[in-house]
Amino acid sequence: MTRAISNRRNATRQRLYDAAVTLIAEQGFSATTVEEIAERAGVAKGTVYYNFAGKTELFEEVLRDGVDRLAAELRRADETALERGADAVGRLSAAALAGLVFIERNPSLTRLLMAELWRTHRAWHATVVSARQQAVDVVERVLHEGVKDGELDPALDVELTAAALVGMILVGALDWLSFHPERPLREVHLALSRLLHGRVRVAAG
C-alpha cells in the first residue's frame, strides 16, 4: 500500500470515527444506523463495510482510538514536564492539563467513554477496560516514581490513587463543560492542581 493510499484510508476512517461519535452521542448506539454514519461522513455505505465488519466493530475502534489519543497526550505532557525537572505532583498537574485540553476538544467522545465504562454487558466492554488502563498506566508510572524518589507517601495505594486521579480529570472536565462552560480552562486546571497539591485545607495559624 502506497503512502498516498494509506493516508486516504486513514482520513476516511477518521471521518467515520467522527461521524459515529457525533451520531451515537446524539441518539445512542442502537438508534444509529450504518447508513446514517456513512451519510454524515460523506461516504458510501459500502465504505463503512470496507473498513469495518459492521457498526459494532466501528464503535469499538472509535473507543479504542479515543483512549489511545488521550493516553498519548498524557504521556507527552508527562515527558515534557519531566524534561523540565518537575516533581511528581508537577508531572501529574501537567498530565491533568493535557487531559482537560483533550476533553475540551472531544466532549462527545469523552461522554461516550465514560458511559461505556459502566456498561459491562456491551460486546466491546473488554476493549474499553483495556484501553482505559492505558491512561491509568501513565498516572501509575508517575506515582510509582514519586514514591521511589521519596516525593510521595510510601504507603500510597498507587493503583487506586491512579484510577481516582484519572476519574477526577474526566468527571471534573465533563462537569465543567456541561454545567460551567463559561469558566476558562485555566481555572478548572487550577482547581484540580490545588487538589493534587493538597491545598484545599486552610493553613494552620
C-alpha atoms as a PDB file:
ATOM      1  CA  MET A   1       0.000   0.000   0.000  1.00  0.00           C
ATOM      2  CA  THR A   2       1.460   3.367  -1.044  1.00  0.00           C
ATOM      3  CA  ARG A   3       1.687   6.235   1.422  1.00  0.00           C
ATOM      4  CA  ALA A   4      -0.933   8.243  -0.509  1.00  0.00           C
ATOM      5  CA  ILE A   5      -3.420   5.369  -0.392  1.00  0.00           C
ATOM      6  CA  SER A   6      -2.676   4.788   3.300  1.00  0.00           C
ATOM      7  CA  ASN A   7      -3.202   8.482   4.067  1.00  0.00           C
ATOM      8  CA  ARG A   8      -6.533   8.498   2.212  1.00  0.00           C
ATOM      9  CA  ARG A   9      -7.698   5.404   4.057  1.00  0.00           C
ATOM     10  CA  ASN A  10      -6.697   6.895   7.414  1.00  0.00           C
ATOM     11  CA  ALA A  11      -8.544  10.105   6.550  1.00  0.00           C
ATOM     12  CA  THR A  12     -11.645   8.101   5.606  1.00  0.00           C
ATOM     13  CA  ARG A  13     -11.524   6.122   8.832  1.00  0.00           C
ATOM     14  CA  GLN A  14     -11.186   9.339  10.820  1.00  0.00           C
ATOM     15  CA  ARG A  15     -14.286  10.769   9.112  1.00  0.00           C
ATOM     16  CA  LEU A  16     -16.160   7.597  10.030  1.00  0.00           C
ATOM     17  CA  TYR A  17     -14.915   7.860  13.640  1.00  0.00           C
ATOM     18  CA  ASP A  18     -16.056  11.468  13.871  1.00  0.00           C
ATOM     19  CA  ALA A  19     -19.446  10.714  12.317  1.00  0.00           C
ATOM     20  CA  ALA A  20     -20.025   7.731  14.613  1.00  0.00           C
ATOM     21  CA  VAL A  21     -19.120   9.698  17.730  1.00  0.00           C
ATOM     22  CA  THR A  22     -21.418  12.574  16.824  1.00  0.00           C
ATOM     23  CA  LEU A  23     -24.407  10.416  15.922  1.00  0.00           C
ATOM     24  CA  ILE A  24     -24.107   7.900  18.746  1.00  0.00           C
ATOM     25  CA  ALA A  25     -23.653  10.691  21.272  1.00  0.00           C
ATOM     26  CA  GLU A  26     -26.807  12.349  19.919  1.00  0.00           C
ATOM     27  CA  GLN A  27     -29.132   9.356  19.563  1.00  0.00           C
ATOM     28  CA  GLY A  28     -27.497   6.277  21.079  1.00  0.00           C
ATOM     29  CA  PHE A  29     -25.795   3.220  19.628  1.00  0.00           C
ATOM     30  CA  SER A  30     -28.913   1.191  18.878  1.00  0.00           C
ATOM     31  CA  ALA A  31     -30.726   4.033  17.151  1.00  0.00           C
ATOM     32  CA  THR A  32     -27.781   4.919  14.918  1.00  0.00           C
ATOM     33  CA  THR A  33     -27.559   3.111  11.584  1.00  0.00           C
ATOM     34  CA  VAL A  34     -24.611   2.415   9.307  1.00  0.00           C
ATOM     35  CA  GLU A  35     -26.406   4.405   6.607  1.00  0.00           C
ATOM     36  CA  GLU A  36     -26.535   7.479   8.845  1.00  0.00           C
ATOM     37  CA  ILE A  37     -22.874   7.170   9.746  1.00  0.00           C
ATOM     38  CA  ALA A  38     -21.893   6.886   6.099  1.00  0.00           C
ATOM     39  CA  GLU A  39     -24.053   9.859   5.147  1.00  0.00           C
ATOM     40  CA  ARG A  40     -22.622  12.015   7.948  1.00  0.00           C
ATOM     41  CA  ALA A  41     -19.085  11.021   6.935  1.00  0.00           C
ATOM     42  CA  GLY A  42     -19.784  11.805   3.281  1.00  0.00           C
ATOM     43  CA  VAL A  43     -19.005   8.304   2.023  1.00  0.00           C
ATOM     44  CA  ALA A  44     -20.906   5.391   0.519  1.00  0.00           C
ATOM     45  CA  LYS A  45     -22.374   2.766   2.844  1.00  0.00           C
ATOM     46  CA  GLY A  46     -20.031   0.195   1.306  1.00  0.00           C
ATOM     47  CA  THR A  47     -17.056   2.230   2.506  1.00  0.00           C
ATOM     48  CA  VAL A  48     -18.058   1.539   6.092  1.00  0.00           C
ATOM     49  CA  TYR A  49     -18.070  -2.215   5.462  1.00  0.00           C
ATOM     50  CA  TYR A  50     -14.806  -1.988   3.522  1.00  0.00           C
ATOM     51  CA  ASN A  51     -13.109  -0.579   6.630  1.00  0.00           C
ATOM     52  CA  PHE A  52     -15.075  -2.347   9.383  1.00  0.00           C
ATOM     53  CA  ALA A  53     -17.057  -5.556   9.777  1.00  0.00           C
ATOM     54  CA  GLY A  54     -20.035  -3.521  10.955  1.00  0.00           C
ATOM     55  CA  LYS A  55     -21.299  -0.874  13.340  1.00  0.00           C
ATOM     56  CA  THR A  56     -20.127  -2.730  16.453  1.00  0.00           C
ATOM     57  CA  GLU A  57     -16.542  -3.015  15.239  1.00  0.00           C
ATOM     58  CA  LEU A  58     -16.566   0.621  14.124  1.00  0.00           C
ATOM     59  CA  PHE A  59     -17.728   1.810  17.536  1.00  0.00           C
ATOM     60  CA  GLU A  60     -15.201  -0.407  19.303  1.00  0.00           C
ATOM     61  CA  GLU A  61     -12.450   1.137  17.199  1.00  0.00           C
ATOM     62  CA  VAL A  62     -13.793   4.621  17.933  1.00  0.00           C
ATOM     63  CA  LEU A  63     -13.474   3.998  21.659  1.00  0.00           C
ATOM     64  CA  ARG A  64     -10.027   2.412  21.355  1.00  0.00           C
ATOM     65  CA  ASP A  65      -8.746   5.224  19.154  1.00  0.00           C
ATOM     66  CA  GLY A  66     -10.101   7.841  21.552  1.00  0.00           C
ATOM     67  CA  VAL A  67      -8.364   6.405  24.599  1.00  0.00           C
ATOM     68  CA  ASP A  68      -5.176   5.817  22.598  1.00  0.00           C
ATOM     69  CA  ARG A  69      -5.094   9.513  21.740  1.00  0.00           C
ATOM     70  CA  LEU A  70      -5.882  10.581  25.312  1.00  0.00           C
ATOM     71  CA  ALA A  71      -3.150   8.348  26.731  1.00  0.00           C
ATOM     72  CA  ALA A  72      -0.686   9.687  24.164  1.00  0.00           C
ATOM     73  CA  GLU A  73      -1.448  13.256  25.239  1.00  0.00           C
ATOM     74  CA  LEU A  74      -0.978  12.350  28.910  1.00  0.00           C
ATOM     75  CA  ARG A  75       2.357  10.643  28.169  1.00  0.00           C
ATOM     76  CA  ARG A  76       3.573  13.577  26.102  1.00  0.00           C
ATOM     77  CA  ALA A  77       2.680  16.047  28.840  1.00  0.00           C
ATOM     78  CA  ASP A  78       4.376  13.933  31.499  1.00  0.00           C
ATOM     79  CA  GLU A  79       7.548  13.522  29.434  1.00  0.00           C
ATOM     80  CA  THR A  80       7.723  17.266  28.793  1.00  0.00           C
ATOM     81  CA  ALA A  81       7.228  18.044  32.482  1.00  0.00           C
ATOM     82  CA  LEU A  82       9.892  15.514  33.438  1.00  0.00           C
ATOM     83  CA  GLU A  83      12.357  17.063  30.993  1.00  0.00           C
ATOM     84  CA  ARG A  84      11.728  20.429  32.656  1.00  0.00           C
ATOM     85  CA  GLY A  85      12.567  18.996  36.061  1.00  0.00           C
ATOM     86  CA  ALA A  86       9.066  18.847  37.517  1.00  0.00           C
ATOM     87  CA  ASP A  87       8.457  16.747  40.616  1.00  0.00           C
ATOM     88  CA  ALA A  88       5.782  14.034  40.771  1.00  0.00           C
ATOM     89  CA  VAL A  89       2.938  16.406  41.621  1.00  0.00           C
ATOM     90  CA  GLY A  90       4.054  18.807  38.894  1.00  0.00           C
ATOM     91  CA  ARG A  91       4.037  15.959  36.394  1.00  0.00           C
ATOM     92  CA  LEU A  92       0.523  14.975  37.474  1.00  0.00           C
ATOM     93  CA  SER A  93      -0.608  18.575  37.117  1.00  0.00           C
ATOM     94  CA  ALA A  94       0.812  18.695  33.585  1.00  0.00           C
ATOM     95  CA  ALA A  95      -1.000  15.476  32.710  1.00  0.00           C
ATOM     96  CA  ALA A  96      -4.221  16.875  34.178  1.00  0.00           C
ATOM     97  CA  LEU A  97      -3.923  19.944  31.952  1.00  0.00           C
ATOM     98  CA  ALA A  98      -3.327  17.768  28.885  1.00  0.00           C
ATOM     99  CA  GLY A  99      -6.383  15.711  29.792  1.00  0.00           C
ATOM    100  CA  LEU A 100      -8.551  18.790  30.168  1.00  0.00           C
ATOM    101  CA  VAL A 101      -7.421  20.148  26.796  1.00  0.00           C
ATOM    102  CA  PHE A 102      -8.162  16.812  25.119  1.00  0.00           C
ATOM    103  CA  ILE A 103     -11.612  16.582  26.705  1.00  0.00           C
ATOM    104  CA  GLU A 104     -12.443  20.179  25.800  1.00  0.00           C
ATOM    105  CA  ARG A 105     -11.694  19.288  22.178  1.00  0.00           C
ATOM    106  CA  ASN A 106     -13.508  15.931  22.306  1.00  0.00           C
ATOM    107  CA  PRO A 107     -16.505  16.299  24.645  1.00  0.00           C
ATOM    108  CA  SER A 108     -18.821  13.859  22.853  1.00  0.00           C
ATOM    109  CA  LEU A 109     -16.144  11.182  22.716  1.00  0.00           C
ATOM    110  CA  THR A 110     -15.391  11.632  26.417  1.00  0.00           C
ATOM    111  CA  ARG A 111     -19.067  11.284  27.354  1.00  0.00           C
ATOM    112  CA  LEU A 112     -19.271   8.061  25.369  1.00  0.00           C
ATOM    113  CA  LEU A 113     -16.129   6.692  27.006  1.00  0.00           C
ATOM    114  CA  MET A 114     -17.430   7.483  30.467  1.00  0.00           C
ATOM    115  CA  ALA A 115     -20.802   5.887  29.725  1.00  0.00           C
ATOM    116  CA  GLU A 116     -19.350   2.726  28.222  1.00  0.00           C
ATOM    117  CA  LEU A 117     -17.029   2.072  31.168  1.00  0.00           C
ATOM    118  CA  TRP A 118     -20.043   1.112  33.284  1.00  0.00           C
ATOM    119  CA  ARG A 119     -21.973  -0.887  30.678  1.00  0.00           C
ATOM    120  CA  THR A 120     -20.429  -4.256  31.374  1.00  0.00           C
ATOM    121  CA  HIS A 121     -22.788  -6.162  29.081  1.00  0.00           C
ATOM    122  CA  ARG A 122     -21.560  -4.470  25.903  1.00  0.00           C
ATOM    123  CA  ALA A 123     -19.622  -6.505  23.342  1.00  0.00           C
ATOM    124  CA  TRP A 124     -16.763  -4.033  23.481  1.00  0.00           C
ATOM    125  CA  HIS A 125     -16.511  -3.715  27.271  1.00  0.00           C
ATOM    126  CA  ALA A 126     -13.209  -5.627  27.484  1.00  0.00           C
ATOM    127  CA  THR A 127     -11.741  -3.299  24.870  1.00  0.00           C
ATOM    128  CA  VAL A 128     -12.877  -0.223  26.796  1.00  0.00           C
ATOM    129  CA  VAL A 129     -11.438  -1.541  30.070  1.00  0.00           C
ATOM    130  CA  SER A 130      -8.125  -2.400  28.417  1.00  0.00           C
ATOM    131  CA  ALA A 131      -7.949   0.973  26.695  1.00  0.00           C
ATOM    132  CA  ARG A 132      -8.796   2.818  29.923  1.00  0.00           C
ATOM    133  CA  GLN A 133      -5.840   1.156  31.584  1.00  0.00           C
ATOM    134  CA  GLN A 134      -3.528   2.944  29.156  1.00  0.00           C
ATOM    135  CA  ALA A 135      -4.477   6.300  30.659  1.00  0.00           C
ATOM    136  CA  VAL A 136      -4.286   4.954  34.202  1.00  0.00           C
ATOM    137  CA  ASP A 137      -0.847   3.466  33.487  1.00  0.00           C
ATOM    138  CA  VAL A 138       0.567   6.919  32.745  1.00  0.00           C
ATOM    139  CA  VAL A 139      -0.502   8.163  36.172  1.00  0.00           C
ATOM    140  CA  GLU A 140       0.582   4.953  37.897  1.00  0.00           C
ATOM    141  CA  ARG A 141       4.092   5.368  36.491  1.00  0.00           C
ATOM    142  CA  VAL A 142       4.360   8.894  37.881  1.00  0.00           C
ATOM    143  CA  LEU A 143       3.093   7.764  41.279  1.00  0.00           C
ATOM    144  CA  HIS A 144       5.478   4.804  41.434  1.00  0.00           C
ATOM    145  CA  GLU A 145       8.427   7.024  40.559  1.00  0.00           C
ATOM    146  CA  GLY A 146       7.298   9.641  43.071  1.00  0.00           C
ATOM    147  CA  VAL A 147       7.188   7.032  45.828  1.00  0.00           C
ATOM    148  CA  LYS A 148      10.586   5.637  44.782  1.00  0.00           C
ATOM    149  CA  ASP A 149      12.157   9.115  44.808  1.00  0.00           C
ATOM    150  CA  GLY A 150      10.727   9.911  48.227  1.00  0.00           C
ATOM    151  CA  GLU A 151       8.391  12.628  46.931  1.00  0.00           C
ATOM    152  CA  LEU A 152       5.188  10.759  47.747  1.00  0.00           C
ATOM    153  CA  ASP A 153       3.957   8.764  50.726  1.00  0.00           C
ATOM    154  CA  PRO A 154       5.356   5.204  50.570  1.00  0.00           C
ATOM    155  CA  ALA A 155       2.025   3.935  51.939  1.00  0.00           C
ATOM    156  CA  LEU A 156       0.223   5.297  48.853  1.00  0.00           C
ATOM    157  CA  ASP A 157      -2.122   2.824  47.143  1.00  0.00           C
ATOM    158  CA  VAL A 158      -0.796   3.540  43.664  1.00  0.00           C
ATOM    159  CA  GLU A 159      -3.351   1.542  41.678  1.00  0.00           C
ATOM    160  CA  LEU A 160      -6.391   3.017  43.397  1.00  0.00           C
ATOM    161  CA  THR A 161      -4.950   6.540  43.504  1.00  0.00           C
ATOM    162  CA  ALA A 162      -4.126   6.483  39.786  1.00  0.00           C
ATOM    163  CA  ALA A 163      -7.669   5.384  38.908  1.00  0.00           C
ATOM    164  CA  ALA A 164      -9.102   8.075  41.195  1.00  0.00           C
ATOM    165  CA  LEU A 165      -6.959  10.798  39.624  1.00  0.00           C
ATOM    166  CA  VAL A 166      -7.941   9.818  36.084  1.00  0.00           C
ATOM    167  CA  GLY A 167     -11.568   9.772  37.198  1.00  0.00           C
ATOM    168  CA  MET A 168     -11.135  13.209  38.766  1.00  0.00           C
ATOM    169  CA  ILE A 169      -9.911  14.617  35.475  1.00  0.00           C
ATOM    170  CA  LEU A 170     -12.702  13.014  33.425  1.00  0.00           C
ATOM    171  CA  VAL A 171     -15.575  13.847  35.766  1.00  0.00           C
ATOM    172  CA  GLY A 172     -14.230  17.311  36.576  1.00  0.00           C
ATOM    173  CA  ALA A 173     -13.904  18.129  32.896  1.00  0.00           C
ATOM    174  CA  LEU A 174     -17.377  16.869  31.984  1.00  0.00           C
ATOM    175  CA  ASP A 175     -18.937  18.757  34.888  1.00  0.00           C
ATOM    176  CA  TRP A 176     -17.148  21.897  33.699  1.00  0.00           C
ATOM    177  CA  LEU A 177     -18.275  21.535  30.078  1.00  0.00           C
ATOM    178  CA  SER A 178     -21.850  20.566  30.995  1.00  0.00           C
ATOM    179  CA  PHE A 179     -22.614  22.998  33.819  1.00  0.00           C
ATOM    180  CA  HIS A 180     -19.943  25.719  33.838  1.00  0.00           C
ATOM    181  CA  PRO A 181     -18.776  26.139  30.233  1.00  0.00           C
ATOM    182  CA  GLU A 182     -18.238  29.862  30.812  1.00  0.00           C
ATOM    183  CA  ARG A 183     -15.303  29.145  33.116  1.00  0.00           C
ATOM    184  CA  PRO A 184     -11.899  29.251  31.412  1.00  0.00           C
ATOM    185  CA  LEU A 185      -9.814  26.121  31.224  1.00  0.00           C
ATOM    186  CA  ARG A 186      -7.056  27.632  33.399  1.00  0.00           C
ATOM    187  CA  GLU A 187      -9.484  27.969  36.333  1.00  0.00           C
ATOM    188  CA  VAL A 188     -10.544  24.353  36.074  1.00  0.00           C
ATOM    189  CA  HIS A 189      -6.925  23.230  35.886  1.00  0.00           C
ATOM    190  CA  LEU A 190      -6.043  25.399  38.880  1.00  0.00           C
ATOM    191  CA  ALA A 191      -8.801  23.762  40.938  1.00  0.00           C
ATOM    192  CA  LEU A 192      -7.549  20.266  40.067  1.00  0.00           C
ATOM    193  CA  SER A 193      -3.942  21.306  40.710  1.00  0.00           C
ATOM    194  CA  ARG A 194      -4.851  22.553  44.165  1.00  0.00           C
ATOM    195  CA  LEU A 195      -6.292  19.140  44.941  1.00  0.00           C
ATOM    196  CA  LEU A 196      -3.123  17.480  43.690  1.00  0.00           C
ATOM    197  CA  HIS A 197      -1.006  19.753  45.869  1.00  0.00           C
ATOM    198  CA  GLY A 198      -3.235  19.187  48.909  1.00  0.00           C
ATOM    199  CA  ARG A 199      -4.095  22.871  49.115  1.00  0.00           C
ATOM    200  CA  VAL A 200      -7.768  22.599  49.941  1.00  0.00           C
ATOM    201  CA  ARG A 201      -7.363  22.962  53.729  1.00  0.00           C
ATOM    202  CA  VAL A 202      -6.881  26.269  55.452  1.00  0.00           C
ATOM    203  CA  ALA A 203      -3.282  26.546  56.635  1.00  0.00           C
ATOM    204  CA  ALA A 204      -2.816  26.244  60.394  1.00  0.00           C
ATOM    205  CA  GLY A 205      -2.321  29.552  62.136  1.00  0.00           C
END
